[in-house]
Amino acid sequence: MPGENLSRDEARERAALLSVDGYEVSLDVRSAVGEQTGEGTRTFRSVTTIRFRCNEPGASSFADLIAPSVTAVSLNGKDLDPSEVFDGSRIALEDLAADNELVVDAQCAYSRTGEGLHRFVDPEDGEVYLYTQYEPADSRRVFANFEQPDLKAPFRFEVRAPEDWTVWSNGAGERIEEGRGALPQKGGG
């Protein structure tokens, strides 16, 4: 069921089963600018790599993501059919190994309600602004994750933005680059 919230029992079971080593999140928000009615202004690309361990190899679990579409999912190097594993709010993870790597390539939606990644056009200057308050349950609207406070892990974010934008964070950037670039496409595109 899209938008389904995590139950207390599900959180307890998942916390006993998994431990998360880290997240690598690449966001391409260059679609935020342009025509208001254009399809590109509704979504942005989000590619997430999650490295995690499973205490019971062979067990099943799920990752959280609310997105209009998922382009690709791979678990431990094996491509999974997004139409079979993604239901609108969860990504089914079957037959987990002791050490796992999940890669999810999705088109996530910009918000106008403050949930997830909010996109705003300032009527005064006509400029587009994005922000997020990342309420814990809304992080799954921006990138795939295990959305519960007892599965903590370090994050590495990469943001591709329009060239004339400044990207701010509440943490210091390790590397800041100016210029053009695109996220790698599946299949080397």
C-alpha atoms as a PDB file:
ATOM      1  CA  MET A   1       0.000   0.000   0.000  1.00  0.00           C
ATOM      2  CA  PRO A   2       1.686   3.280  -1.075  1.00  0.00           C
ATOM      3  CA  GLY A   3       2.559   5.551   1.839  1.00  0.00           C
ATOM      4  CA  GLU A   4       2.190   2.727   4.319  1.00  0.00           C
ATOM      5  CA  ASN A   5       3.700   3.544   7.699  1.00  0.00           C
ATOM      6  CA  LEU A   6       6.047   1.233   9.513  1.00  0.00           C
ATOM      7  CA  SER A   7       4.377  -0.610  12.384  1.00  0.00           C
ATOM      8  CA  ARG A   8       6.053  -1.036  15.764  1.00  0.00           C
ATOM      9  CA  ASP A   9       6.277  -4.813  15.235  1.00  0.00           C
ATOM     10  CA  GLU A  10       7.832  -4.384  11.774  1.00  0.00           C
ATOM     11  CA  ALA A  11      10.395  -1.946  13.171  1.00  0.00           C
ATOM     12  CA  ARG A  12      11.264  -4.296  16.025  1.00  0.00           C
ATOM     13  CA  GLU A  13      11.666  -7.267  13.653  1.00  0.00           C
ATOM     14  CA  ARG A  14      13.745  -5.321  11.144  1.00  0.00           C
ATOM     15  CA  ALA A  15      16.031  -3.860  13.848  1.00  0.00           C
ATOM     16  CA  ALA A  16      16.694  -7.367  15.191  1.00  0.00           C
ATOM     17  CA  LEU A  17      17.472  -8.622  11.678  1.00  0.00           C
ATOM     18  CA  LEU A  18      19.509  -5.810  10.082  1.00  0.00           C
ATOM     19  CA  SER A  19      22.361  -3.433  10.844  1.00  0.00           C
ATOM     20  CA  VAL A  20      23.202  -0.670   8.390  1.00  0.00           C
ATOM     21  CA  ASP A  21      26.799   0.193   7.517  1.00  0.00           C
ATOM     22  CA  GLY A  22      26.145   3.246   5.355  1.00  0.00           C
ATOM     23  CA  TYR A  23      24.238   5.118   2.682  1.00  0.00           C
ATOM     24  CA  GLU A  24      25.462   6.777  -0.497  1.00  0.00           C
ATOM     25  CA  VAL A  25      22.799   9.057  -1.944  1.00  0.00           C
ATOM     26  CA  SER A  26      23.082  10.835  -5.302  1.00  0.00           C
ATOM     27  CA  LEU A  27      20.390  13.370  -6.119  1.00  0.00           C
ATOM     28  CA  ASP A  28      20.023  15.103  -9.476  1.00  0.00           C
ATOM     29  CA  VAL A  29      17.793  18.152  -8.977  1.00  0.00           C
ATOM     30  CA  ARG A  30      18.585  19.921 -12.236  1.00  0.00           C
ATOM     31  CA  SER A  31      14.998  19.114 -13.284  1.00  0.00           C
ATOM     32  CA  ALA A  32      13.731  21.657 -10.722  1.00  0.00           C
ATOM     33  CA  VAL A  33      14.158  24.561 -13.137  1.00  0.00           C
ATOM     34  CA  GLY A  34      12.203  25.058 -16.327  1.00  0.00           C
ATOM     35  CA  GLU A  35       8.603  25.239 -17.333  1.00  0.00           C
ATOM     36  CA  GLN A  36       6.116  24.873 -14.480  1.00  0.00           C
ATOM     37  CA  THR A  37       3.961  22.515 -16.495  1.00  0.00           C
ATOM     38  CA  GLY A  38       6.814  20.374 -17.793  1.00  0.00           C
ATOM     39  CA  GLU A  39       7.111  16.775 -16.635  1.00  0.00           C
ATOM     40  CA  GLY A  40      10.686  17.406 -15.533  1.00  0.00           C
ATOM     41  CA  THR A  41       9.609  19.802 -12.812  1.00  0.00           C
ATOM     42  CA  ARG A  42       7.626  17.099 -11.026  1.00  0.00           C
ATOM     43  CA  THR A  43      10.387  14.585 -10.297  1.00  0.00           C
ATOM     44  CA  PHE A  44      14.103  14.288  -9.613  1.00  0.00           C
ATOM     45  CA  ARG A  45      16.508  11.389  -9.901  1.00  0.00           C
ATOM     46  CA  SER A  46      17.584   9.637  -6.706  1.00  0.00           C
ATOM     47  CA  VAL A  47      20.199   6.865  -6.728  1.00  0.00           C
ATOM     48  CA  THR A  48      20.845   5.221  -3.364  1.00  0.00           C
ATOM     49  CA  THR A  49      23.354   2.566  -2.363  1.00  0.00           C
ATOM     50  CA  ILE A  50      22.774   0.973   1.045  1.00  0.00           C
ATOM     51  CA  ARG A  51      25.318  -1.386   2.586  1.00  0.00           C
ATOM     52  CA  PHE A  52      23.900  -3.474   5.396  1.00  0.00           C
ATOM     53  CA  ARG A  53      24.252  -6.753   7.260  1.00  0.00           C
ATOM     54  CA  CYS A  54      21.648  -9.411   7.992  1.00  0.00           C
ATOM     55  CA  ASN A  55      21.828 -11.530  11.165  1.00  0.00           C
ATOM     56  CA  GLU A  56      19.865 -14.359   9.507  1.00  0.00           C
ATOM     57  CA  PRO A  57      21.130 -15.012   5.963  1.00  0.00           C
ATOM     58  CA  GLY A  58      18.255 -16.172   3.762  1.00  0.00           C
ATOM     59  CA  ALA A  59      15.743 -13.958   5.575  1.00  0.00           C
ATOM     60  CA  SER A  60      13.540 -11.332   3.927  1.00  0.00           C
ATOM     61  CA  SER A  61      12.960  -7.686   4.764  1.00  0.00           C
ATOM     62  CA  PHE A  62      12.204  -4.415   2.964  1.00  0.00           C
ATOM     63  CA  ALA A  63      13.554  -0.932   2.340  1.00  0.00           C
ATOM     64  CA  ASP A  64      11.398   2.184   2.414  1.00  0.00           C
ATOM     65  CA  LEU A  65      10.827   4.529  -0.539  1.00  0.00           C
ATOM     66  CA  ILE A  66       7.868   6.624  -1.661  1.00  0.00           C
ATOM     67  CA  ALA A  67       8.348   7.500  -5.329  1.00  0.00           C
ATOM     68  CA  PRO A  68       6.299   7.726  -8.527  1.00  0.00           C
ATOM     69  CA  SER A  69       8.641   5.264 -10.228  1.00  0.00           C
ATOM     70  CA  VAL A  70      11.660   3.066  -9.692  1.00  0.00           C
ATOM     71  CA  THR A  71      13.917   2.574 -12.704  1.00  0.00           C
ATOM     72  CA  ALA A  72      16.257  -0.106 -11.357  1.00  0.00           C
ATOM     73  CA  VAL A  73      16.901  -2.171  -8.242  1.00  0.00           C
ATOM     74  CA  SER A  74      19.822  -4.480  -7.584  1.00  0.00           C
ATOM     75  CA  LEU A  75      20.580  -6.545  -4.506  1.00  0.00           C
ATOM     76  CA  ASN A  76      24.096  -7.932  -4.173  1.00  0.00           C
ATOM     77  CA  GLY A  77      24.746  -7.366  -7.871  1.00  0.00           C
ATOM     78  CA  LYS A  78      21.580  -9.137  -9.018  1.00  0.00           C
ATOM     79  CA  ASP A  79      19.102  -7.007 -10.976  1.00  0.00           C
ATOM     80  CA  LEU A  80      15.554  -7.172  -9.631  1.00  0.00           C
ATOM     81  CA  ASP A  81      12.411  -6.240 -11.556  1.00  0.00           C
ATOM     82  CA  PRO A  82      11.132  -2.995  -9.986  1.00  0.00           C
ATOM     83  CA  SER A  83       7.541  -3.899 -10.909  1.00  0.00           C
ATOM     84  CA  GLU A  84       7.861  -7.056  -8.813  1.00  0.00           C
ATOM     85  CA  VAL A  85       9.699  -5.672  -5.763  1.00  0.00           C
ATOM     86  CA  PHE A  86       8.418  -2.070  -5.439  1.00  0.00           C
ATOM     87  CA  ASP A  87       4.834  -1.414  -4.326  1.00  0.00           C
ATOM     88  CA  GLY A  88       4.903   2.382  -4.059  1.00  0.00           C
ATOM     89  CA  SER A  89       6.316   2.626  -0.536  1.00  0.00           C
ATOM     90  CA  ARG A  90       8.423  -0.491   0.038  1.00  0.00           C
ATOM     91  CA  ILE A  91      11.076  -2.476  -1.791  1.00  0.00           C
ATOM     92  CA  ALA A  92      10.895  -6.197  -1.017  1.00  0.00           C
ATOM     93  CA  LEU A  93      14.272  -7.759  -0.218  1.00  0.00           C
ATOM     94  CA  GLU A  94      14.301 -11.552  -0.412  1.00  0.00           C
ATOM     95  CA  ASP A  95      17.028 -14.086   0.407  1.00  0.00           C
ATOM     96  CA  LEU A  96      19.386 -11.651   2.112  1.00  0.00           C
ATOM     97  CA  ALA A  97      23.068 -12.520   2.516  1.00  0.00           C
ATOM     98  CA  ALA A  98      25.145 -11.829   5.629  1.00  0.00           C
ATOM     99  CA  ASP A  99      26.590  -8.737   3.875  1.00  0.00           C
ATOM    100  CA  ASN A 100      24.364  -6.880   1.412  1.00  0.00           C
ATOM    101  CA  GLU A 101      24.437  -4.013  -1.052  1.00  0.00           C
ATOM    102  CA  LEU A 102      21.162  -2.559  -2.310  1.00  0.00           C
ATOM    103  CA  VAL A 103      21.162  -0.049  -5.186  1.00  0.00           C
ATOM    104  CA  VAL A 104      17.927   1.781  -6.036  1.00  0.00           C
ATOM    105  CA  ASP A 105      17.515   4.183  -8.968  1.00  0.00           C
ATOM    106  CA  ALA A 106      14.235   6.100  -8.687  1.00  0.00           C
ATOM    107  CA  GLN A 107      12.328   9.140  -9.845  1.00  0.00           C
ATOM    108  CA  CYS A 108      11.153  10.855  -6.662  1.00  0.00           C
ATOM    109  CA  ALA A 109       8.545  13.610  -6.547  1.00  0.00           C
ATOM    110  CA  TYR A 110       9.098  17.206  -5.569  1.00  0.00           C
ATOM    111  CA  SER A 111       6.650  18.263  -2.873  1.00  0.00           C
ATOM    112  CA  ARG A 112       4.601  21.396  -2.376  1.00  0.00           C
ATOM    113  CA  THR A 113       3.537  20.432   1.145  1.00  0.00           C
ATOM    114  CA  GLY A 114       6.889  20.459   2.949  1.00  0.00           C
ATOM    115  CA  GLU A 115       7.162  16.658   2.947  1.00  0.00           C
ATOM    116  CA  GLY A 116      10.298  15.241   1.374  1.00  0.00           C
ATOM    117  CA  LEU A 117      12.018  17.658  -1.032  1.00  0.00           C
ATOM    118  CA  HIS A 118       9.873  20.797  -1.280  1.00  0.00           C
ATOM    119  CA  ARG A 119      10.009  22.804  -4.544  1.00  0.00           C
ATOM    120  CA  PHE A 120       8.984  26.453  -4.388  1.00  0.00           C
ATOM    121  CA  VAL A 121       8.883  29.182  -7.037  1.00  0.00           C
ATOM    122  CA  ASP A 122       9.285  32.576  -5.385  1.00  0.00           C
ATOM    123  CA  PRO A 123       6.681  34.937  -6.874  1.00  0.00           C
ATOM    124  CA  GLU A 124       8.950  37.925  -6.159  1.00  0.00           C
ATOM    125  CA  ASP A 125      12.050  36.849  -8.074  1.00  0.00           C
ATOM    126  CA  GLY A 126      10.670  33.931 -10.130  1.00  0.00           C
ATOM    127  CA  GLU A 127      13.519  31.714  -8.913  1.00  0.00           C
ATOM    128  CA  VAL A 128      13.106  28.068  -7.917  1.00  0.00           C
ATOM    129  CA  TYR A 129      14.131  27.034  -4.406  1.00  0.00           C
ATOM    130  CA  LEU A 130      14.312  23.549  -2.897  1.00  0.00           C
ATOM    131  CA  TYR A 131      14.481  22.625   0.757  1.00  0.00           C
ATOM    132  CA  THR A 132      13.852  19.742   3.072  1.00  0.00           C
ATOM    133  CA  GLN A 133      13.277  19.551   6.797  1.00  0.00           C
ATOM    134  CA  TYR A 134      13.744  15.777   6.619  1.00  0.00           C
ATOM    135  CA  GLU A 135      11.183  14.770   9.148  1.00  0.00           C
ATOM    136  CA  PRO A 136      12.291  11.181   9.793  1.00  0.00           C
ATOM    137  CA  ALA A 137       9.332   9.556   8.034  1.00  0.00           C
ATOM    138  CA  ASP A 138       9.751  11.848   5.011  1.00  0.00           C
ATOM    139  CA  SER A 139      13.330  10.894   4.138  1.00  0.00           C
ATOM    140  CA  ARG A 140      11.844   7.955   2.212  1.00  0.00           C
ATOM    141  CA  ARG A 141      10.319  10.515  -0.175  1.00  0.00           C
ATOM    142  CA  VAL A 142      13.842  11.559  -1.251  1.00  0.00           C
ATOM    143  CA  PHE A 143      15.927   8.363  -1.142  1.00  0.00           C
ATOM    144  CA  ALA A 144      15.574   4.651  -0.402  1.00  0.00           C
ATOM    145  CA  ASN A 145      16.371   3.817   3.219  1.00  0.00           C
ATOM    146  CA  PHE A 146      15.512   1.836   6.303  1.00  0.00           C
ATOM    147  CA  GLU A 147      13.330   4.513   7.847  1.00  0.00           C
ATOM    148  CA  GLN A 148      13.524   3.929  11.576  1.00  0.00           C
ATOM    149  CA  PRO A 149      15.641   5.634  14.239  1.00  0.00           C
ATOM    150  CA  ASP A 150      17.262   2.479  15.616  1.00  0.00           C
ATOM    151  CA  LEU A 151      18.915   1.634  12.263  1.00  0.00           C
ATOM    152  CA  LYS A 152      21.414   4.493  12.204  1.00  0.00           C
ATOM    153  CA  ALA A 153      24.251   4.751   9.681  1.00  0.00           C
ATOM    154  CA  PRO A 154      26.534   7.374   8.157  1.00  0.00           C
ATOM    155  CA  PHE A 155      25.437   9.113   4.948  1.00  0.00           C
ATOM    156  CA  ARG A 156      27.314  10.456   1.966  1.00  0.00           C
ATOM    157  CA  PHE A 157      25.299  12.803  -0.244  1.00  0.00           C
ATOM    158  CA  GLU A 158      26.082  13.935  -3.765  1.00  0.00           C
ATOM    159  CA  VAL A 159      23.871  16.619  -5.284  1.00  0.00           C
ATOM    160  CA  ARG A 160      23.815  17.621  -8.937  1.00  0.00           C
ATOM    161  CA  ALA A 161      22.158  21.027  -9.220  1.00  0.00           C
ATOM    162  CA  PRO A 162      21.829  23.775 -11.827  1.00  0.00           C
ATOM    163  CA  GLU A 163      25.194  25.473 -12.358  1.00  0.00           C
ATOM    164  CA  ASP A 164      24.083  28.805 -10.904  1.00  0.00           C
ATOM    165  CA  TRP A 165      22.717  27.274  -7.692  1.00  0.00           C
ATOM    166  CA  THR A 166      24.332  26.979  -4.281  1.00  0.00           C
ATOM    167  CA  VAL A 167      23.684  23.760  -2.351  1.00  0.00           C
ATOM    168  CA  TRP A 168      23.630  24.093   1.434  1.00  0.00           C
ATOM    169  CA  SER A 169      23.662  21.428   4.123  1.00  0.00           C
ATOM    170  CA  ASN A 170      23.702  21.356   7.896  1.00  0.00           C
ATOM    171  CA  GLY A 171      27.007  19.461   7.693  1.00  0.00           C
ATOM    172  CA  ALA A 172      30.322  20.447   6.177  1.00  0.00           C
ATOM    173  CA  GLY A 173      30.926  19.249   2.639  1.00  0.00           C
ATOM    174  CA  GLU A 174      33.890  16.950   2.098  1.00  0.00           C
ATOM    175  CA  ARG A 175      34.247  17.907  -1.534  1.00  0.00           C
ATOM    176  CA  ILE A 176      32.599  20.685  -3.462  1.00  0.00           C
ATOM    177  CA  GLU A 177      32.921  20.819  -7.228  1.00  0.00           C
ATOM    178  CA  GLU A 178      31.663  23.350  -9.691  1.00  0.00           C
ATOM    179  CA  GLY A 179      30.689  22.480 -13.214  1.00  0.00           C
ATOM    180  CA  ARG A 180      28.617  20.108 -15.227  1.00  0.00           C
ATOM    181  CA  GLY A 181      27.971  16.467 -14.578  1.00  0.00           C
ATOM    182  CA  ALA A 182      25.426  13.723 -14.655  1.00  0.00           C
ATOM    183  CA  LEU A 183      24.756  10.676 -12.577  1.00  0.00           C
ATOM    184  CA  PRO A 184      25.870   7.462 -14.250  1.00  0.00           C
ATOM    185  CA  GLN A 185      23.143   5.642 -16.150  1.00  0.00           C
ATOM    186  CA  LYS A 186      22.524   1.929 -15.727  1.00  0.00           C
ATOM    187  CA  GLY A 187      24.223   0.140 -18.598  1.00  0.00           C
ATOM    188  CA  GLY A 188      26.992   2.725 -18.915  1.00  0.00           C
ATOM    189  CA  GLY A 189      24.861   5.418 -20.621  1.00  0.00           C
END
